[in-house]
Amino acid sequence: GTLLGLILGVVVAFVLEFMDDTIKTPEDLEQHLRLPLLGVVPNLRKGNIAEAIADPRSAFSESYRSVRTALQFSTDHGVPKVLLVTSASPAEGKSVTALTLARNFAQLGKRVLLVEADLRNPSLHRAMGVRAERGLSSLLAGAADISDVVRDTDEANLQVILAGPLPPNPAELLSGSRLWSMLTTAAEKYDQVLIDGP
């Protein structure tokens, strides 16, 4: 009975491992999705993020520079002009990623516009330590022009459009034609447009 139980346990373990299709490693990601991996960023606790970004020699900062370099070689024409940073779940580091990549591109001398497009739960303004009375929601609702909502930052070559007042209907605002028009205008003026998405 013991031997039979042991053999059955091993068989069950092999069957469960064979049926497990979760993504655990970067190699699994490339294999299952058949997409190239641009980089891996270490997971940090919230308190350590600001220190890690401030230190250009940290593994965290270096990983984002590696992602930036991978993006530069991701297409025949270099980095796509407009990039959306999003994820499947909240609090996975979208805003930190968008902000850090925007700063990295600005350090290369590119004119960069960073757009806070998470109109339900914006957090980019907290990471930057600024607040805006008017922002993307004002622009998309027709209450402001693009020149009214673009703000300068402490970083050279980096400007930002913050979310602005939280609207009752963010999905409708983001699906309207004004967003497309704003992105078209921004792509003409800036070398790089990064969107911190929902």
C-alpha atoms as a PDB file:
ATOM      1  CA  GLY A   1       0.000   0.000   0.000  1.00  0.00           C
ATOM      2  CA  THR A   2       2.871   2.371   0.825  1.00  0.00           C
ATOM      3  CA  LEU A   3       4.632   1.608  -2.452  1.00  0.00           C
ATOM      4  CA  LEU A   4       1.415   2.077  -4.421  1.00  0.00           C
ATOM      5  CA  GLY A   5       0.728   5.382  -2.628  1.00  0.00           C
ATOM      6  CA  LEU A   6       4.264   6.595  -3.399  1.00  0.00           C
ATOM      7  CA  ILE A   7       3.982   5.681  -7.078  1.00  0.00           C
ATOM      8  CA  LEU A   8       0.534   7.306  -7.306  1.00  0.00           C
ATOM      9  CA  GLY A   9       1.873  10.477  -5.624  1.00  0.00           C
ATOM     10  CA  VAL A  10       4.764  10.708  -8.122  1.00  0.00           C
ATOM     11  CA  VAL A  11       2.394  10.184 -11.071  1.00  0.00           C
ATOM     12  CA  VAL A  12       0.024  12.876  -9.764  1.00  0.00           C
ATOM     13  CA  ALA A  13       2.972  15.281  -9.295  1.00  0.00           C
ATOM     14  CA  PHE A  14       4.139  14.695 -12.884  1.00  0.00           C
ATOM     15  CA  VAL A  15       0.610  15.159 -14.259  1.00  0.00           C
ATOM     16  CA  LEU A  16       0.149  18.417 -12.330  1.00  0.00           C
ATOM     17  CA  GLU A  17       3.533  19.717 -13.521  1.00  0.00           C
ATOM     18  CA  PHE A  18       2.715  18.743 -17.110  1.00  0.00           C
ATOM     19  CA  MET A  19      -0.664  20.507 -16.982  1.00  0.00           C
ATOM     20  CA  ASP A  20       0.718  23.647 -15.292  1.00  0.00           C
ATOM     21  CA  ASP A  21       0.849  26.371 -17.946  1.00  0.00           C
ATOM     22  CA  THR A  22       1.528  29.324 -15.646  1.00  0.00           C
ATOM     23  CA  ILE A  23       4.355  31.693 -16.483  1.00  0.00           C
ATOM     24  CA  LYS A  24       7.129  31.504 -13.916  1.00  0.00           C
ATOM     25  CA  THR A  25      10.283  32.553 -15.780  1.00  0.00           C
ATOM     26  CA  PRO A  26      11.141  34.964 -18.594  1.00  0.00           C
ATOM     27  CA  GLU A  27      11.752  31.968 -20.835  1.00  0.00           C
ATOM     28  CA  ASP A  28       8.183  30.760 -20.165  1.00  0.00           C
ATOM     29  CA  LEU A  29       6.896  34.147 -21.263  1.00  0.00           C
ATOM     30  CA  GLU A  30       8.720  34.020 -24.581  1.00  0.00           C
ATOM     31  CA  GLN A  31       7.737  30.386 -25.151  1.00  0.00           C
ATOM     32  CA  HIS A  32       4.013  30.761 -24.374  1.00  0.00           C
ATOM     33  CA  LEU A  33       3.415  34.165 -25.972  1.00  0.00           C
ATOM     34  CA  ARG A  34       5.978  33.877 -28.770  1.00  0.00           C
ATOM     35  CA  LEU A  35       7.001  37.485 -28.174  1.00  0.00           C
ATOM     36  CA  PRO A  36      10.481  38.830 -27.475  1.00  0.00           C
ATOM     37  CA  LEU A  37      11.324  39.770 -23.915  1.00  0.00           C
ATOM     38  CA  LEU A  38      12.496  43.377 -23.669  1.00  0.00           C
ATOM     39  CA  GLY A  39      13.811  43.168 -20.131  1.00  0.00           C
ATOM     40  CA  VAL A  40      13.297  42.073 -16.565  1.00  0.00           C
ATOM     41  CA  VAL A  41      12.915  44.599 -13.753  1.00  0.00           C
ATOM     42  CA  PRO A  42      13.511  43.522 -10.147  1.00  0.00           C
ATOM     43  CA  ASN A  43      10.573  43.683  -7.759  1.00  0.00           C
ATOM     44  CA  LEU A  44      11.140  46.232  -4.983  1.00  0.00           C
ATOM     45  CA  ARG A  45       9.174  47.253  -1.919  1.00  0.00           C
ATOM     46  CA  LYS A  46       7.475  50.638  -2.220  1.00  0.00           C
ATOM     47  CA  GLY A  47       9.833  52.351   0.225  1.00  0.00           C
ATOM     48  CA  ASN A  48      12.952  51.405  -1.745  1.00  0.00           C
ATOM     49  CA  ILE A  49      11.816  52.518  -5.213  1.00  0.00           C
ATOM     50  CA  ALA A  50      12.773  56.204  -4.934  1.00  0.00           C
ATOM     51  CA  GLU A  51      16.245  55.308  -3.648  1.00  0.00           C
ATOM     52  CA  ALA A  52      16.768  52.704  -6.377  1.00  0.00           C
ATOM     53  CA  ILE A  53      15.734  55.139  -9.132  1.00  0.00           C
ATOM     54  CA  ALA A  54      17.959  57.894  -7.712  1.00  0.00           C
ATOM     55  CA  ASP A  55      21.026  55.625  -7.754  1.00  0.00           C
ATOM     56  CA  PRO A  56      22.120  55.255 -11.407  1.00  0.00           C
ATOM     57  CA  ARG A  57      24.307  52.270 -10.466  1.00  0.00           C
ATOM     58  CA  SER A  58      21.508  50.241  -8.857  1.00  0.00           C
ATOM     59  CA  ALA A  59      20.279  47.045 -10.498  1.00  0.00           C
ATOM     60  CA  PHE A  60      16.840  48.668 -10.691  1.00  0.00           C
ATOM     61  CA  SER A  61      18.062  51.678 -12.707  1.00  0.00           C
ATOM     62  CA  GLU A  62      20.250  49.486 -14.889  1.00  0.00           C
ATOM     63  CA  SER A  63      17.329  47.196 -15.706  1.00  0.00           C
ATOM     64  CA  TYR A  64      15.289  50.150 -17.019  1.00  0.00           C
ATOM     65  CA  ARG A  65      18.225  51.334 -19.123  1.00  0.00           C
ATOM     66  CA  SER A  66      18.371  47.812 -20.564  1.00  0.00           C
ATOM     67  CA  VAL A  67      14.655  47.983 -21.402  1.00  0.00           C
ATOM     68  CA  ARG A  68      15.206  51.369 -23.065  1.00  0.00           C
ATOM     69  CA  THR A  69      18.036  49.920 -25.153  1.00  0.00           C
ATOM     70  CA  ALA A  70      15.939  46.883 -26.095  1.00  0.00           C
ATOM     71  CA  LEU A  71      13.140  49.216 -27.193  1.00  0.00           C
ATOM     72  CA  GLN A  72      15.578  51.105 -29.425  1.00  0.00           C
ATOM     73  CA  PHE A  73      16.295  47.882 -31.301  1.00  0.00           C
ATOM     74  CA  SER A  74      12.754  46.461 -31.158  1.00  0.00           C
ATOM     75  CA  THR A  75      11.795  47.616 -34.671  1.00  0.00           C
ATOM     76  CA  ASP A  76      13.515  48.572 -37.896  1.00  0.00           C
ATOM     77  CA  HIS A  77      12.737  52.227 -37.170  1.00  0.00           C
ATOM     78  CA  GLY A  78      13.891  52.252 -33.541  1.00  0.00           C
ATOM     79  CA  VAL A  79      11.615  52.962 -30.622  1.00  0.00           C
ATOM     80  CA  PRO A  80       7.934  53.260 -31.526  1.00  0.00           C
ATOM     81  CA  LYS A  81       6.959  56.929 -31.326  1.00  0.00           C
ATOM     82  CA  VAL A  82       4.059  56.304 -28.909  1.00  0.00           C
ATOM     83  CA  LEU A  83       4.307  53.700 -26.133  1.00  0.00           C
ATOM     84  CA  LEU A  84       1.569  52.593 -23.737  1.00  0.00           C
ATOM     85  CA  VAL A  85       2.625  51.114 -20.396  1.00  0.00           C
ATOM     86  CA  THR A  86      -0.089  48.901 -18.922  1.00  0.00           C
ATOM     87  CA  SER A  87      -0.521  45.616 -17.080  1.00  0.00           C
ATOM     88  CA  ALA A  88      -3.136  43.045 -16.171  1.00  0.00           C
ATOM     89  CA  SER A  89      -3.414  43.996 -12.480  1.00  0.00           C
ATOM     90  CA  PRO A  90      -3.253  47.163 -10.385  1.00  0.00           C
ATOM     91  CA  ALA A  91      -0.118  48.136  -8.424  1.00  0.00           C
ATOM     92  CA  GLU A  92       2.334  46.325 -10.702  1.00  0.00           C
ATOM     93  CA  GLY A  93       4.542  49.378 -11.310  1.00  0.00           C
ATOM     94  CA  LYS A  94       3.064  50.907 -14.472  1.00  0.00           C
ATOM     95  CA  SER A  95       3.541  54.497 -13.334  1.00  0.00           C
ATOM     96  CA  VAL A  96       7.085  53.883 -12.080  1.00  0.00           C
ATOM     97  CA  THR A  97       7.920  52.156 -15.363  1.00  0.00           C
ATOM     98  CA  ALA A  98       6.437  54.938 -17.500  1.00  0.00           C
ATOM     99  CA  LEU A  99       8.172  57.659 -15.466  1.00  0.00           C
ATOM    100  CA  THR A 100      11.545  55.897 -15.402  1.00  0.00           C
ATOM    101  CA  LEU A 101      11.485  55.142 -19.132  1.00  0.00           C
ATOM    102  CA  ALA A 102      10.469  58.739 -19.864  1.00  0.00           C
ATOM    103  CA  ARG A 103      13.392  60.024 -17.796  1.00  0.00           C
ATOM    104  CA  ASN A 104      15.765  57.591 -19.522  1.00  0.00           C
ATOM    105  CA  PHE A 105      14.669  58.747 -22.981  1.00  0.00           C
ATOM    106  CA  ALA A 106      14.936  62.402 -21.896  1.00  0.00           C
ATOM    107  CA  GLN A 107      18.511  61.755 -20.708  1.00  0.00           C
ATOM    108  CA  LEU A 108      19.326  60.731 -24.290  1.00  0.00           C
ATOM    109  CA  GLY A 109      18.327  64.223 -25.403  1.00  0.00           C
ATOM    110  CA  LYS A 110      14.929  63.222 -26.788  1.00  0.00           C
ATOM    111  CA  ARG A 111      11.925  65.482 -26.296  1.00  0.00           C
ATOM    112  CA  VAL A 112       9.541  63.338 -24.239  1.00  0.00           C
ATOM    113  CA  LEU A 113       5.889  63.748 -23.288  1.00  0.00           C
ATOM    114  CA  LEU A 114       4.580  61.569 -20.462  1.00  0.00           C
ATOM    115  CA  VAL A 115       0.775  61.225 -20.282  1.00  0.00           C
ATOM    116  CA  GLU A 116      -1.043  60.051 -17.150  1.00  0.00           C
ATOM    117  CA  ALA A 117      -3.968  58.228 -18.788  1.00  0.00           C
ATOM    118  CA  ASP A 118      -5.222  56.175 -15.847  1.00  0.00           C
ATOM    119  CA  LEU A 119      -8.316  58.279 -15.232  1.00  0.00           C
ATOM    120  CA  ARG A 120      -9.786  55.953 -12.579  1.00  0.00           C
ATOM    121  CA  ASN A 121      -6.841  55.631 -10.207  1.00  0.00           C
ATOM    122  CA  PRO A 122      -4.021  57.955 -11.272  1.00  0.00           C
ATOM    123  CA  SER A 123      -0.743  57.643  -9.385  1.00  0.00           C
ATOM    124  CA  LEU A 124       1.863  59.295 -11.613  1.00  0.00           C
ATOM    125  CA  HIS A 125       1.258  62.685 -10.006  1.00  0.00           C
ATOM    126  CA  ARG A 126       2.137  61.169  -6.598  1.00  0.00           C
ATOM    127  CA  ALA A 127       5.362  59.667  -7.947  1.00  0.00           C
ATOM    128  CA  MET A 128       6.307  63.072  -9.387  1.00  0.00           C
ATOM    129  CA  GLY A 129       5.112  65.052  -6.370  1.00  0.00           C
ATOM    130  CA  VAL A 130       2.914  67.422  -8.403  1.00  0.00           C
ATOM    131  CA  ARG A 131      -0.790  68.061  -8.755  1.00  0.00           C
ATOM    132  CA  ALA A 132      -2.806  69.564 -11.608  1.00  0.00           C
ATOM    133  CA  GLU A 133      -6.142  71.353 -11.590  1.00  0.00           C
ATOM    134  CA  ARG A 134      -6.540  70.568 -15.285  1.00  0.00           C
ATOM    135  CA  GLY A 135      -5.148  67.611 -17.159  1.00  0.00           C
ATOM    136  CA  LEU A 136      -5.936  64.890 -19.654  1.00  0.00           C
ATOM    137  CA  SER A 137      -9.557  64.619 -18.529  1.00  0.00           C
ATOM    138  CA  SER A 138     -10.013  68.369 -19.110  1.00  0.00           C
ATOM    139  CA  LEU A 139      -8.417  68.071 -22.549  1.00  0.00           C
ATOM    140  CA  LEU A 140     -10.540  65.095 -23.585  1.00  0.00           C
ATOM    141  CA  ALA A 141     -13.726  66.739 -22.292  1.00  0.00           C
ATOM    142  CA  GLY A 142     -12.978  69.838 -24.391  1.00  0.00           C
ATOM    143  CA  ALA A 143     -12.464  72.134 -21.377  1.00  0.00           C
ATOM    144  CA  ALA A 144      -8.771  72.801 -22.152  1.00  0.00           C
ATOM    145  CA  ASP A 145      -6.264  72.867 -25.009  1.00  0.00           C
ATOM    146  CA  ILE A 146      -3.095  70.806 -25.084  1.00  0.00           C
ATOM    147  CA  SER A 147      -1.009  73.881 -24.300  1.00  0.00           C
ATOM    148  CA  ASP A 148      -3.073  74.388 -21.110  1.00  0.00           C
ATOM    149  CA  VAL A 149      -2.370  70.927 -19.712  1.00  0.00           C
ATOM    150  CA  VAL A 150       1.276  70.269 -20.646  1.00  0.00           C
ATOM    151  CA  ARG A 151       3.543  70.884 -17.652  1.00  0.00           C
ATOM    152  CA  ASP A 152       7.308  71.176 -17.418  1.00  0.00           C
ATOM    153  CA  THR A 153       9.191  68.911 -15.019  1.00  0.00           C
ATOM    154  CA  ASP A 154      12.508  69.098 -13.204  1.00  0.00           C
ATOM    155  CA  GLU A 155      13.994  66.885 -15.932  1.00  0.00           C
ATOM    156  CA  ALA A 156      15.296  68.574 -19.059  1.00  0.00           C
ATOM    157  CA  ASN A 157      13.423  67.512 -22.232  1.00  0.00           C
ATOM    158  CA  LEU A 158      10.578  65.920 -20.224  1.00  0.00           C
ATOM    159  CA  GLN A 159       7.064  67.342 -20.091  1.00  0.00           C
ATOM    160  CA  VAL A 160       3.968  65.741 -18.594  1.00  0.00           C
ATOM    161  CA  ILE A 161       0.197  65.770 -18.927  1.00  0.00           C
ATOM    162  CA  LEU A 162      -1.337  64.691 -15.623  1.00  0.00           C
ATOM    163  CA  ALA A 163      -4.764  63.058 -15.315  1.00  0.00           C
ATOM    164  CA  GLY A 164      -6.557  66.125 -13.955  1.00  0.00           C
ATOM    165  CA  PRO A 165      -9.972  65.878 -12.284  1.00  0.00           C
ATOM    166  CA  LEU A 166     -11.351  62.333 -12.159  1.00  0.00           C
ATOM    167  CA  PRO A 167     -14.234  62.059 -14.637  1.00  0.00           C
ATOM    168  CA  PRO A 168     -17.368  59.967 -14.095  1.00  0.00           C
ATOM    169  CA  ASN A 169     -16.898  58.320 -17.517  1.00  0.00           C
ATOM    170  CA  PRO A 170     -13.177  57.649 -18.165  1.00  0.00           C
ATOM    171  CA  ALA A 171     -13.785  54.895 -20.731  1.00  0.00           C
ATOM    172  CA  GLU A 172     -15.915  57.202 -22.885  1.00  0.00           C
ATOM    173  CA  LEU A 173     -13.316  59.984 -22.720  1.00  0.00           C
ATOM    174  CA  LEU A 174     -10.459  57.652 -23.652  1.00  0.00           C
ATOM    175  CA  SER A 175     -12.363  56.086 -26.543  1.00  0.00           C
ATOM    176  CA  GLY A 176     -13.260  59.422 -28.123  1.00  0.00           C
ATOM    177  CA  SER A 177     -11.562  61.070 -31.094  1.00  0.00           C
ATOM    178  CA  ARG A 178      -9.918  63.780 -28.972  1.00  0.00           C
ATOM    179  CA  LEU A 179      -7.370  61.293 -27.565  1.00  0.00           C
ATOM    180  CA  TRP A 180      -6.342  60.243 -31.078  1.00  0.00           C
ATOM    181  CA  SER A 181      -6.058  63.894 -32.108  1.00  0.00           C
ATOM    182  CA  MET A 182      -3.955  64.726 -29.031  1.00  0.00           C
ATOM    183  CA  LEU A 183      -1.604  61.781 -29.652  1.00  0.00           C
ATOM    184  CA  THR A 184      -1.207  62.743 -33.321  1.00  0.00           C
ATOM    185  CA  THR A 185      -0.310  66.320 -32.348  1.00  0.00           C
ATOM    186  CA  ALA A 186       2.060  65.139 -29.614  1.00  0.00           C
ATOM    187  CA  ALA A 187       3.811  62.680 -31.952  1.00  0.00           C
ATOM    188  CA  GLU A 188       4.607  65.554 -34.302  1.00  0.00           C
ATOM    189  CA  LYS A 189       6.050  67.761 -31.549  1.00  0.00           C
ATOM    190  CA  TYR A 190       7.854  65.192 -29.358  1.00  0.00           C
ATOM    191  CA  ASP A 191      10.398  62.492 -30.146  1.00  0.00           C
ATOM    192  CA  GLN A 192       8.765  60.108 -27.674  1.00  0.00           C
ATOM    193  CA  VAL A 193       5.270  59.922 -26.148  1.00  0.00           C
ATOM    194  CA  LEU A 194       4.809  57.545 -23.196  1.00  0.00           C
ATOM    195  CA  ILE A 195       1.357  56.808 -21.836  1.00  0.00           C
ATOM    196  CA  ASP A 196       0.868  55.611 -18.277  1.00  0.00           C
ATOM    197  CA  GLY A 197      -2.247  53.558 -18.933  1.00  0.00           C
ATOM    198  CA  PRO A 198      -4.857  51.964 -16.716  1.00  0.00           C
END
